[in-house]
């Protein structure tokens, strides 16, 4: 009977260890996944909650500001939202955003070249981009990444700044670190 008990406890410990590894993986990789649809009401609710908690006029989701993208992944998206500082309507063409690359040692710009990194990001770099949806004082969009299968592993930081063209003011900026794995 004692031998069966030992085997039972060993099997039980292995199952518990496997579950712990699974849960830790979920916890630490949470917030690094893509946004498939920023129009999802749950996601909009999370973004709106972030607006009220952070008192910021620009929000990035995932809020960690870090994503890991596998080679060969098309249409990997992150959500970007901005709101007018005076809470007035954010009609089309009012709020815009720019994306710029930072240049650091051994980043994707150095590894792949600036043109290739620009091709990975679906939105135009260094110019005013439009948001895709306008709701009250808030505007929403998805920034998409298309990672080629033959891309090299690297990491790149991008800066995103939102602007209110009616008041000619910057609404703030956020940074995103994406890693190609």
N, C-alpha and C. Protein backbone atom coordinates (compact mmCIF):
# COMPACT_ATOMS: atom_id res chain seq x y z
N UNK A 1 0.81 -1.19 0.00
CA UNK A 1 0.00 0.00 0.00
C UNK A 1 0.86 1.26 0.00
N UNK A 2 1.99 1.21 0.67
CA UNK A 2 2.88 2.35 0.77
C UNK A 2 3.46 2.72 -0.60
N UNK A 3 3.74 1.75 -1.45
CA UNK A 3 4.31 1.99 -2.77
C UNK A 3 3.27 2.70 -3.67
N UNK A 4 2.00 2.31 -3.58
CA UNK A 4 0.95 2.94 -4.37
C UNK A 4 0.77 4.41 -3.93
N UNK A 5 0.88 4.66 -2.66
CA UNK A 5 0.75 6.01 -2.14
C UNK A 5 1.87 6.91 -2.65
N UNK A 6 3.09 6.39 -2.68
CA UNK A 6 4.23 7.16 -3.18
C UNK A 6 4.03 7.49 -4.67
N UNK A 7 3.59 6.52 -5.44
CA UNK A 7 3.36 6.73 -6.88
C UNK A 7 2.26 7.76 -7.08
N UNK A 8 1.20 7.66 -6.29
CA UNK A 8 0.11 8.63 -6.38
C UNK A 8 0.62 10.05 -6.11
N UNK A 9 1.42 10.24 -5.06
CA UNK A 9 1.94 11.56 -4.73
C UNK A 9 2.90 12.08 -5.80
N UNK A 10 3.69 11.20 -6.40
CA UNK A 10 4.59 11.62 -7.47
C UNK A 10 3.79 12.09 -8.68
N UNK A 11 2.76 11.35 -9.04
CA UNK A 11 1.90 11.75 -10.17
C UNK A 11 1.20 13.06 -9.86
N UNK A 12 0.71 13.18 -8.64
CA UNK A 12 0.04 14.41 -8.22
C UNK A 12 0.98 15.61 -8.29
N UNK A 13 2.21 15.46 -7.84
CA UNK A 13 3.19 16.54 -7.88
C UNK A 13 3.53 16.93 -9.33
N UNK A 14 3.63 15.95 -10.21
CA UNK A 14 3.91 16.23 -11.62
C UNK A 14 2.76 17.03 -12.24
N UNK A 15 1.53 16.64 -11.93
CA UNK A 15 0.37 17.37 -12.45
C UNK A 15 0.34 18.79 -11.90
N UNK A 16 0.61 18.97 -10.62
CA UNK A 16 0.63 20.30 -10.02
C UNK A 16 1.73 21.15 -10.65
N UNK A 17 2.90 20.57 -10.87
CA UNK A 17 4.00 21.29 -11.50
C UNK A 17 3.63 21.72 -12.92
N UNK A 18 3.00 20.84 -13.67
CA UNK A 18 2.59 21.17 -15.04
C UNK A 18 1.57 22.32 -15.03
N UNK A 19 0.61 22.27 -14.12
CA UNK A 19 -0.37 23.36 -14.01
C UNK A 19 0.28 24.67 -13.60
N UNK A 20 1.23 24.60 -12.69
CA UNK A 20 1.93 25.82 -12.26
C UNK A 20 2.70 26.44 -13.42
N UNK A 21 3.38 25.64 -14.21
CA UNK A 21 4.11 26.15 -15.37
C UNK A 21 3.13 26.77 -16.37
N UNK A 22 2.02 26.11 -16.61
CA UNK A 22 1.00 26.63 -17.53
C UNK A 22 0.49 27.99 -17.05
N UNK A 23 0.14 28.08 -15.77
CA UNK A 23 -0.39 29.33 -15.22
C UNK A 23 0.64 30.45 -15.22
N UNK A 24 1.88 30.14 -14.87
CA UNK A 24 2.92 31.16 -14.91
C UNK A 24 3.15 31.68 -16.32
N UNK A 25 3.10 30.77 -17.28
CA UNK A 25 3.24 31.18 -18.68
C UNK A 25 2.11 32.12 -19.08
N UNK A 26 0.89 31.80 -18.69
CA UNK A 26 -0.26 32.65 -18.99
C UNK A 26 -0.12 34.03 -18.32
N UNK A 27 0.33 34.04 -17.09
CA UNK A 27 0.46 35.30 -16.35
C UNK A 27 1.52 36.19 -16.99
N UNK A 28 2.70 35.64 -17.27
CA UNK A 28 3.79 36.46 -17.77
C UNK A 28 3.66 36.79 -19.24
N UNK A 29 2.91 36.03 -19.99
CA UNK A 29 2.70 36.36 -21.40
C UNK A 29 1.42 37.15 -21.59
N UNK A 30 0.61 37.26 -20.54
CA UNK A 30 -0.60 38.07 -20.63
C UNK A 30 -0.25 39.52 -20.91
N UNK A 31 -1.07 40.17 -21.73
CA UNK A 31 -0.80 41.55 -22.06
C UNK A 31 0.22 41.71 -23.16
N UNK A 32 0.72 40.61 -23.71
CA UNK A 32 1.67 40.71 -24.81
C UNK A 32 1.06 40.16 -26.09
N UNK A 33 -0.22 39.91 -26.09
CA UNK A 33 -0.89 39.35 -27.25
C UNK A 33 -1.45 40.47 -28.11
N UNK A 34 -1.93 40.06 -29.23
CA UNK A 34 -2.43 41.04 -30.19
C UNK A 34 -3.89 41.38 -29.94
N UNK A 35 -4.29 42.48 -30.54
CA UNK A 35 -5.67 42.92 -30.50
C UNK A 35 -6.27 42.56 -31.85
N UNK A 36 -7.27 41.70 -31.84
CA UNK A 36 -7.89 41.30 -33.09
C UNK A 36 -8.95 42.30 -33.52
N UNK A 37 -9.64 42.90 -32.55
CA UNK A 37 -10.73 43.80 -32.90
C UNK A 37 -10.89 44.84 -31.80
N UNK A 38 -10.41 46.05 -32.04
CA UNK A 38 -10.52 47.10 -31.02
C UNK A 38 -11.97 47.51 -30.80
N UNK A 39 -12.87 47.10 -31.70
CA UNK A 39 -14.27 47.44 -31.56
C UNK A 39 -15.00 46.52 -30.57
N UNK A 40 -14.30 45.52 -30.06
CA UNK A 40 -14.84 44.62 -29.06
C UNK A 40 -15.23 45.45 -27.83
N UNK A 41 -16.47 45.30 -27.37
CA UNK A 41 -16.96 46.13 -26.26
C UNK A 41 -16.17 45.91 -24.97
N UNK A 42 -15.69 44.69 -24.73
CA UNK A 42 -14.89 44.45 -23.53
C UNK A 42 -13.57 45.21 -23.60
N UNK A 43 -12.93 45.20 -24.76
CA UNK A 43 -11.68 45.92 -24.93
C UNK A 43 -11.90 47.42 -24.80
N UNK A 44 -12.96 47.93 -25.41
CA UNK A 44 -13.26 49.36 -25.27
C UNK A 44 -13.52 49.71 -23.81
N UNK A 45 -14.18 48.83 -23.09
CA UNK A 45 -14.41 49.06 -21.67
C UNK A 45 -13.11 49.13 -20.89
N UNK A 46 -12.16 48.24 -21.22
CA UNK A 46 -10.86 48.26 -20.55
C UNK A 46 -10.10 49.54 -20.88
N UNK A 47 -10.16 49.95 -22.15
CA UNK A 47 -9.49 51.18 -22.57
C UNK A 47 -10.11 52.38 -21.86
N UNK A 48 -11.43 52.44 -21.81
CA UNK A 48 -12.11 53.56 -21.14
C UNK A 48 -11.79 53.59 -19.64
N UNK A 49 -11.66 52.41 -19.04
CA UNK A 49 -11.28 52.34 -17.63
C UNK A 49 -9.85 52.87 -17.46
N UNK A 50 -8.97 52.53 -18.40
CA UNK A 50 -7.59 53.02 -18.35
C UNK A 50 -7.55 54.54 -18.47
N UNK A 51 -8.44 55.11 -19.32
CA UNK A 51 -8.51 56.57 -19.43
C UNK A 51 -8.85 57.19 -18.08
N UNK A 52 -9.84 56.64 -17.39
CA UNK A 52 -10.26 57.24 -16.12
C UNK A 52 -9.24 57.00 -15.01
N UNK A 53 -8.56 55.85 -15.01
CA UNK A 53 -7.59 55.55 -13.97
C UNK A 53 -6.28 56.32 -14.15
N UNK A 54 -5.82 56.44 -15.39
CA UNK A 54 -4.51 57.02 -15.66
C UNK A 54 -4.53 58.51 -15.90
N UNK A 55 -5.70 59.08 -16.11
CA UNK A 55 -5.82 60.53 -16.38
C UNK A 55 -4.92 60.96 -17.55
N UNK A 56 -4.82 60.09 -18.55
CA UNK A 56 -4.03 60.39 -19.74
C UNK A 56 -4.95 60.58 -20.93
N UNK A 57 -4.46 61.25 -21.95
CA UNK A 57 -5.25 61.46 -23.16
C UNK A 57 -4.87 60.49 -24.28
N UNK A 58 -3.92 59.61 -24.03
CA UNK A 58 -3.53 58.59 -25.01
C UNK A 58 -3.29 57.28 -24.28
N UNK A 59 -3.86 56.20 -24.84
CA UNK A 59 -3.79 54.88 -24.21
C UNK A 59 -3.35 53.86 -25.25
N UNK A 60 -2.47 52.97 -24.82
CA UNK A 60 -1.99 51.88 -25.65
C UNK A 60 -2.43 50.57 -25.00
N UNK A 61 -2.92 49.64 -25.80
CA UNK A 61 -3.28 48.32 -25.27
C UNK A 61 -2.59 47.27 -26.10
N UNK A 62 -1.78 46.42 -25.53
CA UNK A 62 -1.65 46.15 -24.09
C UNK A 62 -0.90 47.26 -23.37
N UNK A 63 -1.32 47.49 -22.14
CA UNK A 63 -0.79 48.61 -21.36
C UNK A 63 0.65 48.39 -20.92
N UNK A 64 1.14 47.16 -21.01
CA UNK A 64 2.53 46.89 -20.65
C UNK A 64 3.48 47.60 -21.60
N UNK A 65 3.00 47.93 -22.80
CA UNK A 65 3.85 48.58 -23.78
C UNK A 65 4.86 47.64 -24.40
N UNK A 66 4.64 46.34 -24.22
CA UNK A 66 5.56 45.33 -24.76
C UNK A 66 4.77 44.22 -25.42
N UNK A 67 5.21 43.82 -26.62
CA UNK A 67 4.59 42.69 -27.30
C UNK A 67 5.68 41.83 -27.91
N UNK A 68 5.39 40.55 -27.99
CA UNK A 68 6.29 39.58 -28.63
C UNK A 68 5.53 39.01 -29.82
N UNK A 69 6.16 39.06 -30.99
CA UNK A 69 5.50 38.64 -32.21
C UNK A 69 6.35 37.57 -32.89
N UNK A 70 5.72 36.46 -33.21
CA UNK A 70 6.45 35.38 -33.87
C UNK A 70 6.68 35.70 -35.34
N UNK A 71 7.80 35.22 -35.86
CA UNK A 71 8.09 35.37 -37.28
C UNK A 71 6.97 34.73 -38.09
N UNK A 72 6.59 35.35 -39.18
CA UNK A 72 5.54 34.82 -40.04
C UNK A 72 4.14 35.19 -39.59
N UNK A 73 4.01 36.11 -38.63
CA UNK A 73 2.69 36.51 -38.13
C UNK A 73 2.16 37.70 -38.93
N UNK A 74 1.01 37.54 -39.60
CA UNK A 74 0.40 38.68 -40.28
C UNK A 74 -0.62 39.38 -39.38
N UNK A 75 -0.84 40.65 -39.57
CA UNK A 75 -1.91 41.40 -38.90
C UNK A 75 -1.91 41.29 -37.38
N UNK A 76 -0.76 41.41 -36.78
CA UNK A 76 -0.67 41.46 -35.32
C UNK A 76 -0.99 42.89 -34.92
N UNK A 77 -2.01 43.09 -34.10
CA UNK A 77 -2.45 44.45 -33.80
C UNK A 77 -2.38 44.83 -32.34
N UNK A 78 -2.16 46.11 -32.13
CA UNK A 78 -2.27 46.70 -30.80
C UNK A 78 -3.30 47.82 -30.90
N UNK A 79 -3.98 48.10 -29.82
CA UNK A 79 -5.01 49.14 -29.84
C UNK A 79 -4.41 50.46 -29.35
N UNK A 80 -4.81 51.52 -30.03
CA UNK A 80 -4.41 52.87 -29.65
C UNK A 80 -5.68 53.70 -29.54
N UNK A 81 -5.77 54.47 -28.47
CA UNK A 81 -6.93 55.34 -28.28
C UNK A 81 -6.44 56.69 -27.76
N UNK A 82 -7.14 57.72 -28.16
CA UNK A 82 -6.83 59.07 -27.67
C UNK A 82 -8.15 59.79 -27.42
N UNK A 83 -8.09 60.79 -26.57
CA UNK A 83 -9.30 61.58 -26.31
C UNK A 83 -8.93 63.05 -26.28
N UNK A 84 -9.90 63.86 -26.60
CA UNK A 84 -9.68 65.30 -26.57
C UNK A 84 -9.47 65.75 -25.12
N UNK A 85 -8.64 66.73 -24.92
CA UNK A 85 -8.34 67.18 -23.56
C UNK A 85 -9.51 67.95 -22.94
N UNK A 86 -10.37 68.51 -23.78
CA UNK A 86 -11.52 69.26 -23.26
C UNK A 86 -12.82 68.44 -23.27
N UNK A 87 -12.70 67.15 -23.56
CA UNK A 87 -13.84 66.22 -23.58
C UNK A 87 -14.86 66.53 -24.67
N UNK A 88 -14.53 67.39 -25.61
CA UNK A 88 -15.45 67.67 -26.72
C UNK A 88 -15.33 66.59 -27.79
N UNK A 89 -16.19 66.61 -28.75
CA UNK A 89 -16.28 65.57 -29.77
C UNK A 89 -14.98 65.42 -30.56
N UNK A 90 -14.62 64.17 -30.82
CA UNK A 90 -13.40 63.88 -31.59
C UNK A 90 -13.77 63.46 -33.00
N UNK A 91 -14.49 64.33 -33.68
CA UNK A 91 -14.94 64.00 -35.04
C UNK A 91 -13.74 63.66 -35.93
N UNK A 92 -14.07 63.05 -37.07
CA UNK A 92 -13.04 62.62 -38.02
C UNK A 92 -12.11 63.77 -38.38
N UNK A 93 -10.87 63.46 -38.51
CA UNK A 93 -9.80 64.40 -38.88
C UNK A 93 -9.32 65.27 -37.71
N UNK A 94 -9.99 65.23 -36.56
CA UNK A 94 -9.54 66.08 -35.46
C UNK A 94 -8.33 65.49 -34.76
N UNK A 95 -8.44 64.22 -34.31
CA UNK A 95 -7.32 63.59 -33.62
C UNK A 95 -6.50 62.78 -34.61
N UNK A 96 -5.19 62.90 -34.50
CA UNK A 96 -4.27 62.16 -35.36
C UNK A 96 -3.11 61.67 -34.51
N UNK A 97 -2.33 60.77 -35.08
CA UNK A 97 -1.16 60.25 -34.35
C UNK A 97 0.00 60.04 -35.31
N UNK A 98 1.21 60.08 -34.75
CA UNK A 98 2.42 59.79 -35.52
C UNK A 98 3.15 58.63 -34.86
N UNK A 99 3.87 57.90 -35.67
CA UNK A 99 4.71 56.80 -35.18
C UNK A 99 6.14 57.10 -35.62
N UNK A 100 7.07 57.04 -34.68
CA UNK A 100 8.48 57.21 -35.01
C UNK A 100 9.28 56.06 -34.41
N UNK A 101 10.36 55.72 -35.08
CA UNK A 101 11.25 54.67 -34.60
C UNK A 101 12.33 55.27 -33.73
N UNK A 102 12.68 54.59 -32.66
CA UNK A 102 13.86 55.00 -31.91
C UNK A 102 15.03 54.19 -32.47
N UNK A 103 16.21 54.69 -32.31
CA UNK A 103 17.39 53.98 -32.81
C UNK A 103 18.32 53.72 -31.65
N UNK A 104 18.45 52.43 -31.32
CA UNK A 104 19.30 52.00 -30.22
C UNK A 104 20.21 50.89 -30.73
N UNK A 105 21.26 50.64 -30.01
CA UNK A 105 22.20 49.59 -30.41
C UNK A 105 21.50 48.24 -30.51
N UNK A 106 21.74 47.55 -31.59
CA UNK A 106 21.25 46.19 -31.83
C UNK A 106 19.73 46.08 -31.88
N UNK A 107 19.02 47.16 -32.24
CA UNK A 107 17.58 47.08 -32.40
C UNK A 107 17.25 46.61 -33.82
N UNK A 108 15.96 46.51 -34.13
CA UNK A 108 15.56 46.02 -35.46
C UNK A 108 16.02 46.94 -36.58
N UNK A 109 16.09 48.24 -36.32
CA UNK A 109 16.58 49.17 -37.36
C UNK A 109 18.01 48.80 -37.73
N UNK A 110 18.83 48.50 -36.73
CA UNK A 110 20.22 48.13 -37.00
C UNK A 110 20.32 46.75 -37.63
N UNK A 111 19.48 45.81 -37.19
CA UNK A 111 19.55 44.42 -37.69
C UNK A 111 18.92 44.28 -39.07
N UNK A 112 17.73 44.86 -39.26
CA UNK A 112 16.98 44.67 -40.50
C UNK A 112 17.08 45.84 -41.47
N UNK A 113 17.34 47.02 -40.95
CA UNK A 113 17.34 48.23 -41.75
C UNK A 113 16.03 48.98 -41.56
N UNK A 114 16.10 50.30 -41.67
CA UNK A 114 14.93 51.15 -41.41
C UNK A 114 13.80 50.88 -42.39
N UNK A 115 14.12 50.63 -43.65
CA UNK A 115 13.08 50.38 -44.65
C UNK A 115 12.32 49.10 -44.33
N UNK A 116 13.02 48.04 -43.95
CA UNK A 116 12.35 46.78 -43.61
C UNK A 116 11.46 46.93 -42.38
N UNK A 117 11.94 47.66 -41.37
CA UNK A 117 11.12 47.89 -40.17
C UNK A 117 9.89 48.71 -40.55
N UNK A 118 10.06 49.69 -41.42
CA UNK A 118 8.91 50.49 -41.89
C UNK A 118 7.89 49.62 -42.60
N UNK A 119 8.36 48.61 -43.34
CA UNK A 119 7.45 47.69 -44.03
C UNK A 119 6.71 46.77 -43.07
N UNK A 120 7.30 46.48 -41.92
CA UNK A 120 6.67 45.61 -40.91
C UNK A 120 5.45 46.31 -40.28
N UNK A 121 5.57 47.62 -40.07
CA UNK A 121 4.49 48.40 -39.45
C UNK A 121 3.57 48.88 -40.56
N UNK A 122 2.28 48.52 -40.49
CA UNK A 122 1.34 48.84 -41.57
C UNK A 122 1.03 50.33 -41.70
N UNK A 123 1.16 51.09 -40.63
CA UNK A 123 0.88 52.51 -40.69
C UNK A 123 2.14 53.25 -41.13
N UNK A 124 1.94 54.43 -41.69
CA UNK A 124 3.07 55.23 -42.16
C UNK A 124 3.81 55.84 -40.98
N UNK A 125 5.12 55.88 -41.10
CA UNK A 125 5.96 56.44 -40.05
C UNK A 125 6.23 57.91 -40.32
N UNK A 126 6.28 58.71 -39.26
CA UNK A 126 6.67 60.10 -39.36
C UNK A 126 5.65 61.03 -39.98
N UNK A 127 4.43 60.57 -40.21
CA UNK A 127 3.38 61.42 -40.76
C UNK A 127 2.14 61.31 -39.86
N UNK A 128 1.22 62.24 -40.03
CA UNK A 128 -0.03 62.21 -39.26
C UNK A 128 -0.95 61.13 -39.82
N UNK A 129 -1.29 60.16 -38.98
CA UNK A 129 -2.21 59.08 -39.34
C UNK A 129 -3.57 59.36 -38.72
N UNK A 130 -4.63 58.93 -39.39
CA UNK A 130 -5.99 59.08 -38.87
C UNK A 130 -6.35 57.89 -37.99
N UNK A 131 -7.18 58.15 -37.01
CA UNK A 131 -7.79 57.07 -36.24
C UNK A 131 -8.89 56.46 -37.10
N UNK A 132 -9.35 55.27 -36.74
CA UNK A 132 -10.37 54.57 -37.55
C UNK A 132 -11.79 54.74 -37.04
N UNK A 133 -11.94 55.04 -35.76
CA UNK A 133 -13.29 55.15 -35.19
C UNK A 133 -13.33 56.31 -34.22
N UNK A 134 -14.47 56.99 -34.21
CA UNK A 134 -14.65 58.17 -33.37
C UNK A 134 -15.93 57.98 -32.56
N UNK A 135 -15.81 58.13 -31.25
CA UNK A 135 -16.95 57.93 -30.37
C UNK A 135 -16.88 58.93 -29.22
N UNK A 136 -17.71 59.93 -29.27
CA UNK A 136 -17.67 60.97 -28.25
C UNK A 136 -16.35 61.72 -28.31
N UNK A 137 -15.70 61.83 -27.17
CA UNK A 137 -14.41 62.53 -27.12
C UNK A 137 -13.23 61.62 -27.46
N UNK A 138 -13.51 60.34 -27.74
CA UNK A 138 -12.44 59.36 -27.94
C UNK A 138 -12.35 58.90 -29.40
N UNK A 139 -11.11 58.58 -29.79
CA UNK A 139 -10.84 58.00 -31.11
C UNK A 139 -10.05 56.72 -30.90
N UNK A 140 -10.31 55.73 -31.75
CA UNK A 140 -9.69 54.41 -31.62
C UNK A 140 -9.09 53.97 -32.96
N UNK A 141 -8.04 53.16 -32.87
CA UNK A 141 -7.47 52.56 -34.07
C UNK A 141 -6.65 51.34 -33.67
N UNK A 142 -6.23 50.59 -34.65
CA UNK A 142 -5.33 49.46 -34.45
C UNK A 142 -4.06 49.73 -35.24
N UNK A 143 -2.93 49.56 -34.58
CA UNK A 143 -1.65 49.61 -35.27
C UNK A 143 -1.26 48.17 -35.54
N UNK A 144 -1.02 47.86 -36.81
CA UNK A 144 -0.79 46.47 -37.21
C UNK A 144 0.65 46.22 -37.63
N UNK A 145 1.08 45.00 -37.39
CA UNK A 145 2.43 44.56 -37.74
C UNK A 145 2.31 43.30 -38.59
N UNK A 146 3.07 43.23 -39.67
CA UNK A 146 3.17 42.03 -40.51
C UNK A 146 4.62 41.57 -40.48
N UNK A 147 4.86 40.49 -39.78
CA UNK A 147 6.23 40.00 -39.61
C UNK A 147 6.52 38.92 -40.65
N UNK A 148 7.50 39.14 -41.53
CA UNK A 148 7.84 38.11 -42.53
C UNK A 148 8.38 36.84 -41.86
N UNK A 149 8.20 35.74 -42.53
CA UNK A 149 8.68 34.46 -42.02
C UNK A 149 10.20 34.46 -41.87
N UNK A 150 10.88 35.17 -42.75
CA UNK A 150 12.35 35.16 -42.74
C UNK A 150 12.96 36.34 -41.97
N UNK A 151 12.16 37.03 -41.17
CA UNK A 151 12.67 38.15 -40.39
C UNK A 151 13.66 37.65 -39.34
N UNK A 152 14.61 38.47 -39.01
CA UNK A 152 15.57 38.13 -37.96
C UNK A 152 14.98 38.49 -36.60
N UNK A 153 15.42 37.77 -35.58
CA UNK A 153 15.00 38.09 -34.22
C UNK A 153 15.63 39.41 -33.81
N UNK A 154 14.79 40.29 -33.28
CA UNK A 154 15.28 41.59 -32.83
C UNK A 154 14.17 42.26 -32.02
N UNK A 155 14.50 43.40 -31.45
CA UNK A 155 13.52 44.18 -30.69
C UNK A 155 13.60 45.62 -31.17
N UNK A 156 12.45 46.30 -31.14
CA UNK A 156 12.39 47.68 -31.61
C UNK A 156 11.43 48.47 -30.75
N UNK A 157 11.83 49.66 -30.39
CA UNK A 157 10.97 50.57 -29.65
C UNK A 157 10.43 51.61 -30.62
N UNK A 158 9.11 51.85 -30.54
CA UNK A 158 8.50 52.91 -31.33
C UNK A 158 7.80 53.89 -30.40
N UNK A 159 7.78 55.13 -30.80
CA UNK A 159 7.07 56.16 -30.04
C UNK A 159 5.84 56.57 -30.82
N UNK A 160 4.74 56.72 -30.11
CA UNK A 160 3.47 57.10 -30.72
C UNK A 160 2.99 58.36 -30.01
N UNK A 161 2.73 59.41 -30.78
CA UNK A 161 2.26 60.65 -30.21
C UNK A 161 0.93 61.02 -30.84
N UNK A 162 -0.03 61.43 -30.02
CA UNK A 162 -1.34 61.83 -30.50
C UNK A 162 -1.45 63.35 -30.48
N UNK A 163 -2.19 63.89 -31.47
CA UNK A 163 -2.35 65.33 -31.62
C UNK A 163 -3.82 65.68 -31.79
N UNK A 164 -4.18 66.85 -31.29
CA UNK A 164 -5.50 67.43 -31.53
C UNK A 164 -5.30 68.55 -32.54
N UNK A 165 -5.77 68.35 -33.75
CA UNK A 165 -5.54 69.34 -34.80
C UNK A 165 -6.41 70.59 -34.63
N UNK A 166 -7.47 70.48 -33.85
CA UNK A 166 -8.34 71.65 -33.62
C UNK A 166 -7.67 72.64 -32.66
N UNK A 167 -7.03 72.11 -31.62
CA UNK A 167 -6.39 72.98 -30.63
C UNK A 167 -4.88 73.09 -30.86
N UNK A 168 -4.37 72.36 -31.85
CA UNK A 168 -2.93 72.35 -32.17
C UNK A 168 -2.07 71.97 -30.97
N UNK A 169 -2.52 70.95 -30.22
CA UNK A 169 -1.75 70.52 -29.06
C UNK A 169 -1.45 69.03 -29.13
N UNK A 170 -0.34 68.67 -28.51
CA UNK A 170 0.00 67.26 -28.35
C UNK A 170 -0.82 66.72 -27.18
N UNK A 171 -1.40 65.55 -27.37
CA UNK A 171 -2.18 64.93 -26.30
C UNK A 171 -1.33 63.99 -25.45
N UNK A 172 -0.08 63.82 -25.84
CA UNK A 172 0.83 62.97 -25.10
C UNK A 172 1.42 61.90 -26.01
N UNK A 173 2.30 61.10 -25.43
CA UNK A 173 2.89 60.01 -26.21
C UNK A 173 3.05 58.78 -25.35
N UNK A 174 3.16 57.65 -26.05
CA UNK A 174 3.39 56.36 -25.41
C UNK A 174 4.45 55.63 -26.23
N UNK A 175 5.10 54.67 -25.61
CA UNK A 175 6.12 53.88 -26.29
C UNK A 175 5.68 52.42 -26.33
N UNK A 176 6.06 51.76 -27.40
CA UNK A 176 5.82 50.33 -27.55
C UNK A 176 7.11 49.66 -27.91
N UNK A 177 7.43 48.59 -27.22
CA UNK A 177 8.59 47.75 -27.52
C UNK A 177 8.06 46.46 -28.13
N UNK A 178 8.36 46.22 -29.41
CA UNK A 178 7.97 44.95 -30.00
C UNK A 178 9.21 44.11 -30.23
N UNK A 179 9.05 42.82 -29.99
CA UNK A 179 10.14 41.88 -30.14
C UNK A 179 9.73 40.81 -31.14
N UNK A 180 10.56 40.59 -32.12
CA UNK A 180 10.32 39.53 -33.10
C UNK A 180 11.01 38.28 -32.57
N UNK A 181 10.21 37.22 -32.38
CA UNK A 181 10.74 35.96 -31.84
C UNK A 181 10.60 34.83 -32.84
